[in-house]
Amino acid sequence: MKYDPGVRQTNFCLMPGFVLYYKLDKSNFVMLENSMVYETNGEKETRELGFRLAREAKPGDVYTLTGDLGVGKTVFTKGFAEGLGITEPVSSPTFTIVQQYDSGRLPFYHFDVYRIGDVEEMDEIGYEDCFYGEGVTMIEWAKLIREILPTHRTKILIEKDLERGFDYRRITIEEVGE
């Protein structure tokens, strides 16, 4: 986020221990561009954020997850799965592209499209049943398949800032579409 003197931060938000950036205006509170920004310090906090987000998930929700290698996408996803009530081990489906979990309160489709050579491979997997079905979908490396993403989705960006510490993560969650 570029410096903006009108931007304030608070530790009072939906998830204790996380920082929410906001901008004051006539209504006294506006999310920045329909997004929430959280700062975590360690895997436990990143996982907890995923857990809390999943508690609000509804059938048909699609979440896109972006960030560099090793930034914590799978850690976040493990917490998300726990928030859905999934108790089985969750790992990144790098070579299988998608892993389905049915033991939670909603079916959970975890995609890792890092190794997708062509977006047409998603047709072979049957992605539409997942994206537009009764479950919840999490897509790692979503930028690689942007042309088939639903217009309404929740974008999650995880970023490191080594100047703030090795375990520091800035996680931006943004609703897009109608």
N, C-alpha and C. Protein backbone atom coordinates (compact mmCIF):
# COMPACT_ATOMS: atom_id res chain seq x y z
N MET A 1 0.85 -1.16 0.00
CA MET A 1 0.00 0.00 0.00
C MET A 1 0.89 1.23 0.00
N LYS A 2 0.62 2.17 -0.89
CA LYS A 2 1.36 3.42 -0.92
C LYS A 2 0.96 4.25 0.29
N TYR A 3 1.88 5.09 0.73
CA TYR A 3 1.59 5.94 1.87
C TYR A 3 0.43 6.86 1.55
N ASP A 4 -0.52 6.95 2.45
CA ASP A 4 -1.66 7.83 2.33
C ASP A 4 -1.91 8.40 3.72
N PRO A 5 -1.76 9.72 3.91
CA PRO A 5 -1.91 10.28 5.24
C PRO A 5 -3.31 10.09 5.82
N GLY A 6 -4.30 9.79 4.99
CA GLY A 6 -5.66 9.57 5.49
C GLY A 6 -5.91 8.16 5.98
N VAL A 7 -4.95 7.26 5.78
CA VAL A 7 -5.12 5.87 6.17
C VAL A 7 -4.71 5.71 7.62
N ARG A 8 -5.52 5.03 8.37
CA ARG A 8 -5.26 4.74 9.78
C ARG A 8 -5.20 3.23 9.93
N GLN A 9 -4.67 2.78 11.03
CA GLN A 9 -4.71 1.36 11.30
C GLN A 9 -5.20 1.13 12.71
N THR A 10 -5.79 -0.02 12.92
CA THR A 10 -6.30 -0.36 14.24
C THR A 10 -6.11 -1.84 14.48
N ASN A 11 -6.01 -2.24 15.71
CA ASN A 11 -5.98 -3.65 16.06
C ASN A 11 -7.36 -4.14 16.43
N PHE A 12 -8.36 -3.26 16.36
CA PHE A 12 -9.74 -3.65 16.64
C PHE A 12 -10.40 -3.99 15.32
N CYS A 13 -10.68 -5.24 15.11
CA CYS A 13 -11.35 -5.66 13.89
C CYS A 13 -11.97 -7.03 14.15
N LEU A 14 -12.42 -7.68 13.11
CA LEU A 14 -13.10 -8.95 13.24
C LEU A 14 -12.23 -10.04 13.84
N MET A 15 -10.95 -9.94 13.66
CA MET A 15 -10.05 -10.99 14.09
C MET A 15 -8.99 -10.43 15.02
N PRO A 16 -9.14 -10.65 16.32
CA PRO A 16 -8.18 -10.11 17.29
C PRO A 16 -6.75 -10.52 16.94
N GLY A 17 -5.82 -9.61 17.14
CA GLY A 17 -4.43 -9.90 16.86
C GLY A 17 -4.01 -9.51 15.46
N PHE A 18 -4.96 -9.07 14.65
CA PHE A 18 -4.65 -8.69 13.29
C PHE A 18 -4.91 -7.21 13.11
N VAL A 19 -4.27 -6.61 12.14
CA VAL A 19 -4.40 -5.18 11.91
C VAL A 19 -5.31 -4.96 10.71
N LEU A 20 -6.23 -4.04 10.84
CA LEU A 20 -7.13 -3.68 9.76
C LEU A 20 -6.82 -2.23 9.39
N TYR A 21 -6.56 -1.98 8.13
CA TYR A 21 -6.34 -0.63 7.67
C TYR A 21 -7.67 -0.06 7.22
N TYR A 22 -7.91 1.19 7.53
CA TYR A 22 -9.14 1.81 7.11
C TYR A 22 -8.89 3.28 6.83
N LYS A 23 -9.85 3.89 6.18
CA LYS A 23 -9.73 5.29 5.83
C LYS A 23 -10.98 6.02 6.33
N LEU A 24 -10.77 7.11 7.05
CA LEU A 24 -11.89 7.88 7.56
C LEU A 24 -12.48 8.74 6.45
N ASP A 25 -13.80 8.84 6.43
CA ASP A 25 -14.47 9.77 5.54
C ASP A 25 -15.73 10.24 6.26
N LYS A 26 -16.71 10.76 5.53
CA LYS A 26 -17.92 11.29 6.16
C LYS A 26 -18.63 10.26 7.03
N SER A 27 -18.59 9.00 6.64
CA SER A 27 -19.26 7.96 7.42
C SER A 27 -18.36 7.43 8.53
N ASN A 28 -17.13 7.95 8.64
CA ASN A 28 -16.15 7.59 9.66
C ASN A 28 -15.47 6.24 9.45
N PHE A 29 -15.87 5.45 8.49
CA PHE A 29 -15.20 4.17 8.30
C PHE A 29 -15.46 3.65 6.88
N VAL A 30 -14.40 3.43 6.15
CA VAL A 30 -14.51 2.89 4.79
C VAL A 30 -13.39 1.88 4.61
N MET A 31 -13.72 0.71 4.10
CA MET A 31 -12.69 -0.26 3.76
C MET A 31 -11.93 0.29 2.55
N LEU A 32 -10.66 0.00 2.47
CA LEU A 32 -9.89 0.43 1.32
C LEU A 32 -10.23 -0.44 0.13
N GLU A 33 -10.88 0.15 -0.87
CA GLU A 33 -11.19 -0.56 -2.10
C GLU A 33 -11.82 -1.93 -1.84
N ASN A 34 -12.80 -1.99 -0.96
CA ASN A 34 -13.50 -3.24 -0.64
C ASN A 34 -12.56 -4.33 -0.15
N SER A 35 -11.52 -3.93 0.53
CA SER A 35 -10.57 -4.94 0.99
C SER A 35 -10.24 -4.74 2.46
N MET A 36 -9.77 -5.81 3.06
CA MET A 36 -9.27 -5.79 4.42
C MET A 36 -7.82 -6.24 4.37
N VAL A 37 -6.98 -5.60 5.14
CA VAL A 37 -5.57 -5.94 5.18
C VAL A 37 -5.23 -6.40 6.59
N TYR A 38 -4.66 -7.59 6.68
CA TYR A 38 -4.27 -8.16 7.95
C TYR A 38 -2.76 -8.35 7.96
N GLU A 39 -2.18 -8.22 9.12
CA GLU A 39 -0.76 -8.51 9.29
C GLU A 39 -0.65 -9.68 10.26
N THR A 40 0.11 -10.70 9.86
CA THR A 40 0.33 -11.84 10.74
C THR A 40 1.82 -11.99 10.99
N ASN A 41 2.14 -12.62 12.09
CA ASN A 41 3.53 -12.86 12.46
C ASN A 41 3.69 -14.31 12.86
N GLY A 42 3.81 -15.16 11.87
CA GLY A 42 4.00 -16.58 12.12
C GLY A 42 2.88 -17.42 11.53
N GLU A 43 3.21 -18.70 11.35
CA GLU A 43 2.26 -19.64 10.75
C GLU A 43 0.97 -19.74 11.55
N LYS A 44 1.07 -19.72 12.86
CA LYS A 44 -0.12 -19.87 13.70
C LYS A 44 -1.15 -18.77 13.39
N GLU A 45 -0.70 -17.53 13.29
CA GLU A 45 -1.61 -16.42 13.00
C GLU A 45 -2.16 -16.50 11.58
N THR A 46 -1.32 -16.89 10.62
CA THR A 46 -1.77 -17.02 9.23
C THR A 46 -2.83 -18.12 9.14
N ARG A 47 -2.59 -19.22 9.81
CA ARG A 47 -3.53 -20.33 9.82
C ARG A 47 -4.85 -19.91 10.49
N GLU A 48 -4.75 -19.16 11.56
CA GLU A 48 -5.94 -18.68 12.28
C GLU A 48 -6.79 -17.76 11.41
N LEU A 49 -6.15 -16.92 10.62
CA LEU A 49 -6.89 -16.05 9.71
C LEU A 49 -7.67 -16.89 8.70
N GLY A 50 -7.03 -17.91 8.13
CA GLY A 50 -7.73 -18.82 7.22
C GLY A 50 -8.91 -19.49 7.90
N PHE A 51 -8.70 -19.94 9.14
CA PHE A 51 -9.75 -20.59 9.92
C PHE A 51 -10.96 -19.67 10.08
N ARG A 52 -10.71 -18.43 10.47
CA ARG A 52 -11.80 -17.49 10.72
C ARG A 52 -12.54 -17.13 9.44
N LEU A 53 -11.83 -17.01 8.34
CA LEU A 53 -12.47 -16.70 7.07
C LEU A 53 -13.40 -17.84 6.66
N ALA A 54 -12.96 -19.07 6.86
CA ALA A 54 -13.76 -20.23 6.46
C ALA A 54 -15.05 -20.34 7.26
N ARG A 55 -15.05 -19.86 8.49
CA ARG A 55 -16.26 -19.93 9.32
C ARG A 55 -17.41 -19.15 8.68
N GLU A 56 -17.06 -18.17 7.82
CA GLU A 56 -18.07 -17.35 7.14
C GLU A 56 -18.39 -17.85 5.73
N ALA A 57 -17.70 -18.88 5.27
CA ALA A 57 -17.86 -19.37 3.89
C ALA A 57 -19.25 -19.96 3.67
N LYS A 58 -19.73 -19.75 2.45
CA LYS A 58 -21.05 -20.25 2.05
C LYS A 58 -20.90 -21.11 0.79
N PRO A 59 -21.89 -21.97 0.53
CA PRO A 59 -21.83 -22.76 -0.71
C PRO A 59 -21.67 -21.87 -1.93
N GLY A 60 -20.79 -22.27 -2.82
CA GLY A 60 -20.54 -21.52 -4.05
C GLY A 60 -19.46 -20.46 -3.94
N ASP A 61 -18.93 -20.23 -2.74
CA ASP A 61 -17.87 -19.23 -2.59
C ASP A 61 -16.59 -19.72 -3.26
N VAL A 62 -15.93 -18.80 -3.96
CA VAL A 62 -14.64 -19.08 -4.60
C VAL A 62 -13.62 -18.09 -4.06
N TYR A 63 -12.49 -18.61 -3.61
CA TYR A 63 -11.40 -17.80 -3.08
C TYR A 63 -10.18 -18.03 -3.95
N THR A 64 -9.55 -16.94 -4.37
CA THR A 64 -8.32 -17.06 -5.14
C THR A 64 -7.16 -16.62 -4.25
N LEU A 65 -6.10 -17.39 -4.29
CA LEU A 65 -4.98 -17.20 -3.38
C LEU A 65 -3.71 -16.96 -4.19
N THR A 66 -3.09 -15.80 -3.97
CA THR A 66 -1.88 -15.46 -4.70
C THR A 66 -0.76 -15.08 -3.74
N GLY A 67 0.45 -15.33 -4.17
CA GLY A 67 1.63 -14.98 -3.39
C GLY A 67 2.81 -15.78 -3.91
N ASP A 68 3.99 -15.31 -3.59
CA ASP A 68 5.22 -15.98 -4.04
C ASP A 68 5.34 -17.38 -3.43
N LEU A 69 6.24 -18.17 -4.00
CA LEU A 69 6.54 -19.48 -3.43
C LEU A 69 6.99 -19.33 -1.98
N GLY A 70 6.46 -20.18 -1.11
CA GLY A 70 6.87 -20.19 0.27
C GLY A 70 6.31 -19.08 1.14
N VAL A 71 5.31 -18.35 0.63
CA VAL A 71 4.78 -17.22 1.39
C VAL A 71 3.73 -17.65 2.43
N GLY A 72 3.18 -18.86 2.28
CA GLY A 72 2.21 -19.34 3.26
C GLY A 72 0.83 -19.66 2.71
N LYS A 73 0.72 -19.84 1.40
CA LYS A 73 -0.58 -20.13 0.80
C LYS A 73 -1.16 -21.44 1.34
N THR A 74 -0.34 -22.46 1.44
CA THR A 74 -0.83 -23.75 1.92
C THR A 74 -1.11 -23.69 3.42
N VAL A 75 -0.33 -22.95 4.17
CA VAL A 75 -0.60 -22.76 5.60
C VAL A 75 -1.97 -22.11 5.78
N PHE A 76 -2.23 -21.06 5.02
CA PHE A 76 -3.52 -20.37 5.07
C PHE A 76 -4.65 -21.34 4.72
N THR A 77 -4.43 -22.15 3.68
CA THR A 77 -5.44 -23.09 3.22
C THR A 77 -5.71 -24.17 4.27
N LYS A 78 -4.68 -24.61 4.96
CA LYS A 78 -4.88 -25.60 6.05
C LYS A 78 -5.78 -25.03 7.13
N GLY A 79 -5.55 -23.77 7.50
CA GLY A 79 -6.42 -23.13 8.48
C GLY A 79 -7.83 -22.99 7.96
N PHE A 80 -7.97 -22.66 6.68
CA PHE A 80 -9.28 -22.53 6.06
C PHE A 80 -10.03 -23.87 6.13
N ALA A 81 -9.33 -24.95 5.79
CA ALA A 81 -9.95 -26.28 5.84
C ALA A 81 -10.40 -26.61 7.27
N GLU A 82 -9.58 -26.29 8.24
CA GLU A 82 -9.95 -26.52 9.64
C GLU A 82 -11.21 -25.72 10.01
N GLY A 83 -11.31 -24.50 9.48
CA GLY A 83 -12.48 -23.67 9.73
C GLY A 83 -13.75 -24.24 9.13
N LEU A 84 -13.60 -25.06 8.10
CA LEU A 84 -14.74 -25.76 7.51
C LEU A 84 -15.06 -27.05 8.26
N GLY A 85 -14.22 -27.39 9.24
CA GLY A 85 -14.44 -28.62 10.00
C GLY A 85 -13.76 -29.84 9.42
N ILE A 86 -12.84 -29.64 8.50
CA ILE A 86 -12.12 -30.75 7.88
C ILE A 86 -11.00 -31.18 8.82
N THR A 87 -10.99 -32.46 9.15
CA THR A 87 -10.01 -32.96 10.11
C THR A 87 -8.89 -33.75 9.45
N GLU A 88 -9.08 -34.16 8.22
CA GLU A 88 -8.03 -34.93 7.53
C GLU A 88 -6.88 -34.01 7.12
N PRO A 89 -5.69 -34.57 6.93
CA PRO A 89 -4.53 -33.74 6.53
C PRO A 89 -4.77 -33.04 5.19
N VAL A 90 -4.37 -31.80 5.10
CA VAL A 90 -4.50 -31.01 3.87
C VAL A 90 -3.10 -30.70 3.37
N SER A 91 -2.89 -30.98 2.08
CA SER A 91 -1.61 -30.64 1.48
C SER A 91 -1.88 -30.00 0.12
N SER A 92 -0.87 -29.34 -0.39
CA SER A 92 -1.03 -28.67 -1.68
C SER A 92 -1.11 -29.71 -2.80
N PRO A 93 -2.15 -29.63 -3.62
CA PRO A 93 -2.30 -30.61 -4.71
C PRO A 93 -1.50 -30.23 -5.95
N THR A 94 -0.23 -29.94 -5.78
CA THR A 94 0.60 -29.44 -6.87
C THR A 94 0.61 -30.36 -8.09
N PHE A 95 0.66 -31.65 -7.88
CA PHE A 95 0.75 -32.57 -9.02
C PHE A 95 -0.60 -33.12 -9.44
N THR A 96 -1.60 -33.07 -8.55
CA THR A 96 -2.93 -33.58 -8.91
C THR A 96 -3.85 -32.44 -9.32
N ILE A 97 -3.45 -31.21 -9.17
CA ILE A 97 -4.17 -29.98 -9.50
C ILE A 97 -5.32 -29.69 -8.54
N VAL A 98 -6.12 -30.69 -8.19
CA VAL A 98 -7.24 -30.45 -7.27
C VAL A 98 -7.35 -31.58 -6.26
N GLN A 99 -7.68 -31.23 -5.06
CA GLN A 99 -7.96 -32.20 -4.00
C GLN A 99 -9.32 -31.84 -3.42
N GLN A 100 -10.17 -32.84 -3.27
CA GLN A 100 -11.51 -32.62 -2.72
C GLN A 100 -11.59 -33.19 -1.32
N TYR A 101 -12.19 -32.41 -0.42
CA TYR A 101 -12.39 -32.84 0.97
C TYR A 101 -13.89 -32.76 1.28
N ASP A 102 -14.45 -33.85 1.75
CA ASP A 102 -15.89 -33.89 2.00
C ASP A 102 -16.25 -34.04 3.47
N SER A 103 -15.26 -34.01 4.36
CA SER A 103 -15.55 -34.30 5.76
C SER A 103 -16.00 -33.07 6.56
N GLY A 104 -16.02 -31.89 5.97
CA GLY A 104 -16.41 -30.68 6.69
C GLY A 104 -17.87 -30.33 6.48
N ARG A 105 -18.24 -29.14 6.92
CA ARG A 105 -19.63 -28.71 6.80
C ARG A 105 -20.04 -28.42 5.36
N LEU A 106 -19.05 -28.19 4.49
CA LEU A 106 -19.26 -28.01 3.06
C LEU A 106 -18.17 -28.75 2.32
N PRO A 107 -18.46 -29.24 1.10
CA PRO A 107 -17.36 -29.80 0.30
C PRO A 107 -16.33 -28.71 0.04
N PHE A 108 -15.06 -29.09 0.07
CA PHE A 108 -13.97 -28.14 -0.12
C PHE A 108 -13.10 -28.61 -1.27
N TYR A 109 -12.94 -27.75 -2.28
CA TYR A 109 -12.13 -28.05 -3.46
C TYR A 109 -10.88 -27.16 -3.40
N HIS A 110 -9.74 -27.79 -3.25
CA HIS A 110 -8.48 -27.07 -3.13
C HIS A 110 -7.69 -27.27 -4.43
N PHE A 111 -7.55 -26.21 -5.19
CA PHE A 111 -6.81 -26.24 -6.45
C PHE A 111 -5.43 -25.63 -6.27
N ASP A 112 -4.44 -26.23 -6.91
CA ASP A 112 -3.12 -25.62 -7.05
C ASP A 112 -2.81 -25.70 -8.54
N VAL A 113 -2.95 -24.59 -9.23
CA VAL A 113 -2.83 -24.60 -10.69
C VAL A 113 -1.44 -24.16 -11.17
N TYR A 114 -0.46 -24.23 -10.28
CA TYR A 114 0.90 -23.82 -10.62
C TYR A 114 1.44 -24.57 -11.84
N ARG A 115 1.09 -25.84 -11.97
CA ARG A 115 1.64 -26.66 -13.05
C ARG A 115 0.70 -26.78 -14.26
N ILE A 116 -0.35 -25.98 -14.30
CA ILE A 116 -1.25 -26.00 -15.46
C ILE A 116 -0.50 -25.44 -16.66
N GLY A 117 -0.44 -26.21 -17.74
CA GLY A 117 0.24 -25.76 -18.95
C GLY A 117 -0.67 -24.91 -19.81
N ASP A 118 -1.96 -25.22 -19.78
CA ASP A 118 -2.94 -24.52 -20.60
C ASP A 118 -4.25 -24.52 -19.83
N VAL A 119 -4.95 -23.43 -19.90
CA VAL A 119 -6.20 -23.30 -19.15
C VAL A 119 -7.22 -24.37 -19.55
N GLU A 120 -7.08 -24.93 -20.76
CA GLU A 120 -7.99 -25.99 -21.21
C GLU A 120 -7.88 -27.25 -20.35
N GLU A 121 -6.76 -27.42 -19.67
CA GLU A 121 -6.61 -28.55 -18.76
C GLU A 121 -7.65 -28.50 -17.65
N MET A 122 -8.11 -27.32 -17.32
CA MET A 122 -9.12 -27.17 -16.27
C MET A 122 -10.45 -27.80 -16.70
N ASP A 123 -10.75 -27.76 -18.01
CA ASP A 123 -11.96 -28.41 -18.52
C ASP A 123 -11.91 -29.91 -18.27
N GLU A 124 -10.73 -30.49 -18.48
CA GLU A 124 -10.56 -31.93 -18.27
C GLU A 124 -10.78 -32.32 -16.81
N ILE A 125 -10.46 -31.43 -15.91
CA ILE A 125 -10.64 -31.68 -14.48
C ILE A 125 -12.09 -31.53 -14.06
N GLY A 126 -12.87 -30.77 -14.85
CA GLY A 126 -14.26 -30.51 -14.49
C GLY A 126 -14.39 -29.37 -13.48
N TYR A 127 -13.61 -28.33 -13.70
CA TYR A 127 -13.56 -27.22 -12.74
C TYR A 127 -14.92 -26.57 -12.50
N GLU A 128 -15.78 -26.53 -13.52
CA GLU A 128 -17.07 -25.84 -13.37
C GLU A 128 -17.92 -26.45 -12.26
N ASP A 129 -17.85 -27.77 -12.10
CA ASP A 129 -18.60 -28.42 -11.03
C ASP A 129 -18.14 -27.93 -9.66
N CYS A 130 -16.88 -27.60 -9.56
CA CYS A 130 -16.33 -27.10 -8.29
C CYS A 130 -16.62 -25.62 -8.11
N PHE A 131 -16.31 -24.82 -9.13
CA PHE A 131 -16.48 -23.37 -9.03
C PHE A 131 -17.93 -22.97 -8.82
N TYR A 132 -18.84 -23.70 -9.45
CA TYR A 132 -20.26 -23.30 -9.44
C TYR A 132 -21.15 -24.30 -8.72
N GLY A 133 -20.55 -25.15 -7.89
CA GLY A 133 -21.32 -26.16 -7.18
C GLY A 133 -21.71 -25.71 -5.78
N GLU A 134 -21.98 -26.67 -4.94
CA GLU A 134 -22.45 -26.41 -3.58
C GLU A 134 -21.33 -26.37 -2.55
N GLY A 135 -20.10 -26.47 -3.00
CA GLY A 135 -18.98 -26.44 -2.08
C GLY A 135 -18.29 -25.10 -2.06
N VAL A 136 -17.10 -25.09 -1.49
CA VAL A 136 -16.25 -23.90 -1.41
C VAL A 136 -14.95 -24.23 -2.14
N THR A 137 -14.47 -23.29 -2.93
CA THR A 137 -13.27 -23.51 -3.73
C THR A 137 -12.16 -22.54 -3.34
N MET A 138 -10.95 -23.08 -3.17
CA MET A 138 -9.74 -22.28 -2.92
C MET A 138 -8.78 -22.58 -4.06
N ILE A 139 -8.30 -21.53 -4.74
CA ILE A 139 -7.43 -21.71 -5.90
C ILE A 139 -6.09 -21.02 -5.66
N GLU A 140 -5.03 -21.81 -5.51
CA GLU A 140 -3.68 -21.25 -5.41
C GLU A 140 -3.16 -20.97 -6.83
N TRP A 141 -2.43 -19.89 -6.99
CA TRP A 141 -1.87 -19.45 -8.27
C TRP A 141 -2.98 -19.11 -9.27
N ALA A 142 -4.03 -18.50 -8.80
CA ALA A 142 -5.22 -18.23 -9.61
C ALA A 142 -4.96 -17.35 -10.82
N LYS A 143 -3.92 -16.52 -10.78
CA LYS A 143 -3.63 -15.64 -11.92
C LYS A 143 -3.39 -16.44 -13.20
N LEU A 144 -2.96 -17.69 -13.04
CA LEU A 144 -2.66 -18.52 -14.21
C LEU A 144 -3.91 -18.96 -14.96
N ILE A 145 -5.07 -18.84 -14.32
CA ILE A 145 -6.32 -19.24 -14.99
C ILE A 145 -7.35 -18.12 -14.94
N ARG A 146 -6.89 -16.88 -14.92
CA ARG A 146 -7.79 -15.74 -14.71
C ARG A 146 -8.95 -15.70 -15.69
N GLU A 147 -8.75 -16.18 -16.91
CA GLU A 147 -9.83 -16.08 -17.91
C GLU A 147 -11.04 -16.96 -17.60
N ILE A 148 -10.91 -17.93 -16.72
CA ILE A 148 -12.07 -18.78 -16.38
C ILE A 148 -12.56 -18.57 -14.95
N LEU A 149 -11.97 -17.63 -14.24
CA LEU A 149 -12.40 -17.39 -12.86
C LEU A 149 -13.78 -16.75 -12.84
N PRO A 150 -14.58 -17.10 -11.84
CA PRO A 150 -15.90 -16.45 -11.71
C PRO A 150 -15.72 -14.95 -11.49
N THR A 151 -16.67 -14.17 -11.98
CA THR A 151 -16.56 -12.72 -11.79
C THR A 151 -16.71 -12.36 -10.32
N HIS A 152 -17.53 -13.09 -9.59
CA HIS A 152 -17.66 -12.84 -8.15
C HIS A 152 -16.78 -13.84 -7.41
N ARG A 153 -15.82 -13.31 -6.66
CA ARG A 153 -14.91 -14.16 -5.90
C ARG A 153 -14.24 -13.32 -4.83
N THR A 154 -13.52 -13.99 -3.97
CA THR A 154 -12.75 -13.30 -2.94
C THR A 154 -11.28 -13.53 -3.24
N LYS A 155 -10.57 -12.42 -3.46
CA LYS A 155 -9.14 -12.49 -3.75
C LYS A 155 -8.36 -12.37 -2.45
N ILE A 156 -7.37 -13.24 -2.30
CA ILE A 156 -6.50 -13.21 -1.12
C ILE A 156 -5.06 -13.11 -1.63
N LEU A 157 -4.36 -12.08 -1.19
CA LEU A 157 -2.97 -11.88 -1.57
C LEU A 157 -2.12 -11.96 -0.30
N ILE A 158 -1.12 -12.84 -0.31
CA ILE A 158 -0.21 -12.96 0.83
C ILE A 158 1.16 -12.46 0.39
N GLU A 159 1.69 -11.51 1.16
CA GLU A 159 2.99 -10.91 0.82
C GLU A 159 3.92 -10.96 2.03
N LYS A 160 5.20 -11.14 1.74
CA LYS A 160 6.26 -11.05 2.76
C LYS A 160 6.83 -9.64 2.74
N ASP A 161 7.41 -9.26 3.86
CA ASP A 161 8.20 -8.04 3.93
C ASP A 161 9.33 -8.35 4.91
N LEU A 162 10.46 -8.79 4.40
CA LEU A 162 11.56 -9.22 5.26
C LEU A 162 12.09 -8.12 6.16
N GLU A 163 11.86 -6.88 5.79
CA GLU A 163 12.27 -5.78 6.66
C GLU A 163 11.45 -5.78 7.95
N ARG A 164 10.26 -6.39 7.91
CA ARG A 164 9.39 -6.45 9.09
C ARG A 164 9.56 -7.77 9.85
N GLY A 165 10.42 -8.64 9.34
CA GLY A 165 10.68 -9.91 10.01
C GLY A 165 10.40 -11.10 9.09
N PHE A 166 11.10 -12.20 9.37
CA PHE A 166 10.97 -13.39 8.53
C PHE A 166 9.55 -13.95 8.53
N ASP A 167 8.85 -13.88 9.67
CA ASP A 167 7.52 -14.46 9.78
C ASP A 167 6.39 -13.49 9.45
N TYR A 168 6.72 -12.25 9.18
CA TYR A 168 5.70 -11.23 8.88
C TYR A 168 5.02 -11.52 7.55
N ARG A 169 3.68 -11.42 7.55
CA ARG A 169 2.90 -11.53 6.32
C ARG A 169 1.85 -10.43 6.31
N ARG A 170 1.66 -9.86 5.15
CA ARG A 170 0.58 -8.91 4.92
C ARG A 170 -0.43 -9.64 4.04
N ILE A 171 -1.64 -9.80 4.54
CA ILE A 171 -2.66 -10.57 3.82
C ILE A 171 -3.83 -9.65 3.49
N THR A 172 -4.06 -9.46 2.20
CA THR A 172 -5.14 -8.60 1.72
C THR A 172 -6.27 -9.49 1.23
N ILE A 173 -7.47 -9.25 1.75
CA ILE A 173 -8.65 -10.01 1.36
C ILE A 173 -9.62 -9.02 0.72
N GLU A 174 -10.01 -9.30 -0.53
CA GLU A 174 -10.82 -8.37 -1.29
C GLU A 174 -11.94 -9.08 -2.03
N GLU A 175 -13.15 -8.57 -1.87
CA GLU A 175 -14.30 -9.06 -2.63
C GLU A 175 -14.27 -8.40 -4.00
N VAL A 176 -14.46 -9.19 -5.06
CA VAL A 176 -14.55 -8.62 -6.40
C VAL A 176 -15.80 -9.16 -7.07
N GLY A 177 -16.33 -8.40 -8.01
CA GLY A 177 -17.52 -8.81 -8.74
C GLY A 177 -18.78 -8.43 -8.00
N GLU A 178 -19.88 -8.85 -8.59
CA GLU A 178 -21.20 -8.50 -8.03
C GLU A 178 -21.65 -9.48 -7.00
